[in-house]
Each structure stands twice: as structure tokens, then as C-alpha cells.
């Protein structure tokens, strides 16, 4: 494939700023694309929380950003994605990005998020003009960058960026970025774009809808999620738009950082392991996990791990409802890490008090503990009501920890149903978003643990053999970029005979 110039614009980039899985993608996919020979660059905001150490340098030339009634200015900081030569640019602007948080503060979402991220979109594109580096494709991510394809199609169409194609990735359709129509004027977009087949929705600007209508091509983070969002049940009011753009929508499964999540090299495990040393390594991690969370140290009991946001979307209320019944009837332990809904936090704390030595809970986030739960658990519980892609189930399989998941979104695409006696599957799936369905599936896993240890071992090994690296997804994205360029410019002429 012909090497392409690819611009990533995102509100989050791992390891510089992270709220969710979006940051993981933008921190990993550009490196995989660069390894394929593409010229990739990343732009994101320089929030007040960004540590500008010696790996960063400030560009001497200020960046003018054409938004609002008069031009605003930004300082551009340059670095690279760790472990690569991929350039990253952080835009510093006191009014919009000096605050440490990304989307919301103690009192909720920032009221000027529409202006902040319109500034990011226009600033990223103006930076390309300043650098004299015109991308073949601009890859925008979620509602925060939804105005970028609109800018390319309208305000900047007659500039050198007019030939730049756009790919817009939906990470979570539920978050759409509603704003006042003031953002149209602020971003210097034509007033005529405030209409239902462009940016308008129920009398407001819907920034995600803008990206859906204007991007050259669309993607989302798993093939099943690409189908779900075209239905009324999964479309959050935009299913009609996604059906309209269905011919341009592709579901590409997210990859994972296989260096950061590698049980054979994981410094957070007491004894790293691979497929050949799986049983010994997991036994050491299990004992360490039990000690860390105050569980009874017992090598023979089945341990079920959870690392999640405690939220309705993640199905953690189903686990809270089922947990007492599971603990009363099954010989198991639970190791939980997460935070979120105060009621769910209290439910899990209550379980730890009611079942001492059998339930361990850490409310908050602890990266080392998340690795230890993946390595030390026998099963990983992920009963999500909705999951566009999901990463933790892929981490679990890589660590030889079969996941227990609800059949939705990317969980369908990544976890193959275990079939007893047939040497197939990588985990346990259930369909109904109910506590009894989760209870029964935990019981199935528990029976497999105690009654069929040989099948469980093979199940673990099959999970560890899966390839969830970004290299697979990067090739699919490179193909999508090629389609986008052809659609924007027309197919390249064949070489002369």
C-alpha cells in the first residue's frame, strides 16, 4: 500500500492523558501504523495535568487558531509517543485547557466544552498548515472532534486541506456532545450547516451527529457494535443516521498494548508466566492477590476477578444482586477493583464485610492491582449491558483468565463461547442482562473449575493464544484510509503501461 500521511486528533492520548479506552487506542494505533510505513502525527490538548518534562519542547512559532470573533493563539508542544518516533503535538491554551480535567470538573461537565473542542479541531488543522504537512487522512475520535470533518467539507474546502479525507471513529455513541448553536459561529462554519442532515438535533448542535454526516468514512470499535448502533435499541437516537451512512461504516476491533499487558514480562506479578509456566505463575499471583485483598489464602478455591467502572452500563448492578446468592451456594472468592456509582460501591463494601475472607474490594483505581487481578484470578467477570469493544476481557484471556461476559458489542467479537468436550471457546457468554443469567454462568464456570480441570487448562491456553495486537487492526485501518482517500479524491489512475 502507498504510505499515507495520517493525522490523529483526540481529546485523550495514552500515556499523556487518559479517561477511558479512547486514550489506549490513540496511544497505540499510530505506532502500529507507523510500523507499516505510514507518516502518522497526533494532536491533543495540553491540559493542566500534562507533565511537560524534558521530553517536550515548545515550538517557537505561536499557532493562530481561527475561532471566535478574533483569532486566538496557542503554544504548541512537541514530543513523541513513547517507544516510537510518532510525533505528538499538545496545544496549550490558558482559557480552554489550563484546567487539569478533560471533560468535567467537580460540578459536572464543563459548560464551554463545545468551544474547547472546536478550538482543538481548528487548531489541529491550522497546525498542519503551519507545518506545511498536509495529511491524506484526518482521523477524528468521538463527539469532541465531530466538527473536524465539517471544517474540512466547508470552511477549509478551498485550502490545501481540501483534499484531506476524514475518518470518524465512534467509541461510544451514547455520548454525543450537545451544545448551543453558538459553536457554529465560533468555529466559523456556514450558518446553513445548522440543519437536521448536518449538525442540528432537537434544536441544538449535536457534535457527534456532525461527524457522522460529514466524515468521508466512519468506523467503530467492533463489528458487532457497528451493527447494534444501526438499531433503535442501540442507536441512541442516531440509528437513522447510521443506517443512512451504513455503506461507509466499518467495525474494526480495537487491539491492546501487548507490551504493557504481557504476563511473561509483567513486573506487577510475583512470578511472570507464559503458556508453558501458566499453572505455576498463576498460583503465585493467586496467593499474592488473596493476601493483597484480605482473602483467605487457599490455592484450591475459584477466584473471580472484576476490574471495572461500577456503573449500570457495565452490568455491575447485576453482580451486586447476584453476589449474595453466589457466595451462599458456591465455594468461590471475589476480587473487585473499581469505582463509580456510590450505591454499588457500598454494596460491594457490604459484601466484603458480610463475607470476610471471600470478598475483597478496593474502591478506586490501582494499576498494579489491576494486573494482579488479571494474573491471579481464575475467571474474569464482565456482565456489561453495552460494550462497544472492551479491553479488559482481552487482557484477561492474555493472562489465561477466561472471561464471563454478556453477549453484546465487542464481547461477542472477542470471546468465543466455551463448548464442553469440543476443545473450543475462550470464555463463557450469557445473553439476558439479568442477575439469574449471571448467577447461572458463574455456576457453569465454577463447575468447570472443580469438575473438569483439564478442560479449564485448555480453555486458558486457547485464550492466551489469541492475537489481540494492534498490528491486525492497523492493517484494517490502513485499508479504510485508502478507501477514504479514493472517495475524497477519486481512485488513483493505474500506472502507465
Foldseek 3Di string as FASTA:
>chain_A
DPAFEEEEEDQAAPPFGDDDCVNQQNLALVQLLVVVPHQYEYEHAPALQGDQDPQKDKDPDWFWFPFDPDIDIWIWIWHARPPHRHIYIHTYDCPQHHHRDRAADPVGGDQCLLLNLLSSLRRSCSVCVVVVHAGQEYEYEALSNLCNLQCLVFVCCPPPNVLRAYEYEYAALQDFDWHAPVSCRRSVHPPVQCDPLAQHDPRTGGSRSNNLNRHLAYEYAAQQLLVQCLDPVNVNPCNVSSVVRVVRYYYFHAFGDCVQLAQQPHPLFPHRDALVCQVVRLLRLQQVLLVVQQAPRDSQAAEEEEEDACDVQQLLVLCLVQVVVLVVPARAAYEYEYEHDPVSVVSLVVVCVVDPNRYGYDYDDDVSSLSSRLQHHQAYEGAGPEHQADDSCLSNLLNLHAYEYEPYHNVVVQWADDDPPPLDTQHHYFHDSHSVRSSVRVVVVRCCSPPPVVSSSSSSNVSSPDHRHSNVSSVVVVVSSQVSSCSSPNDDDDDDD
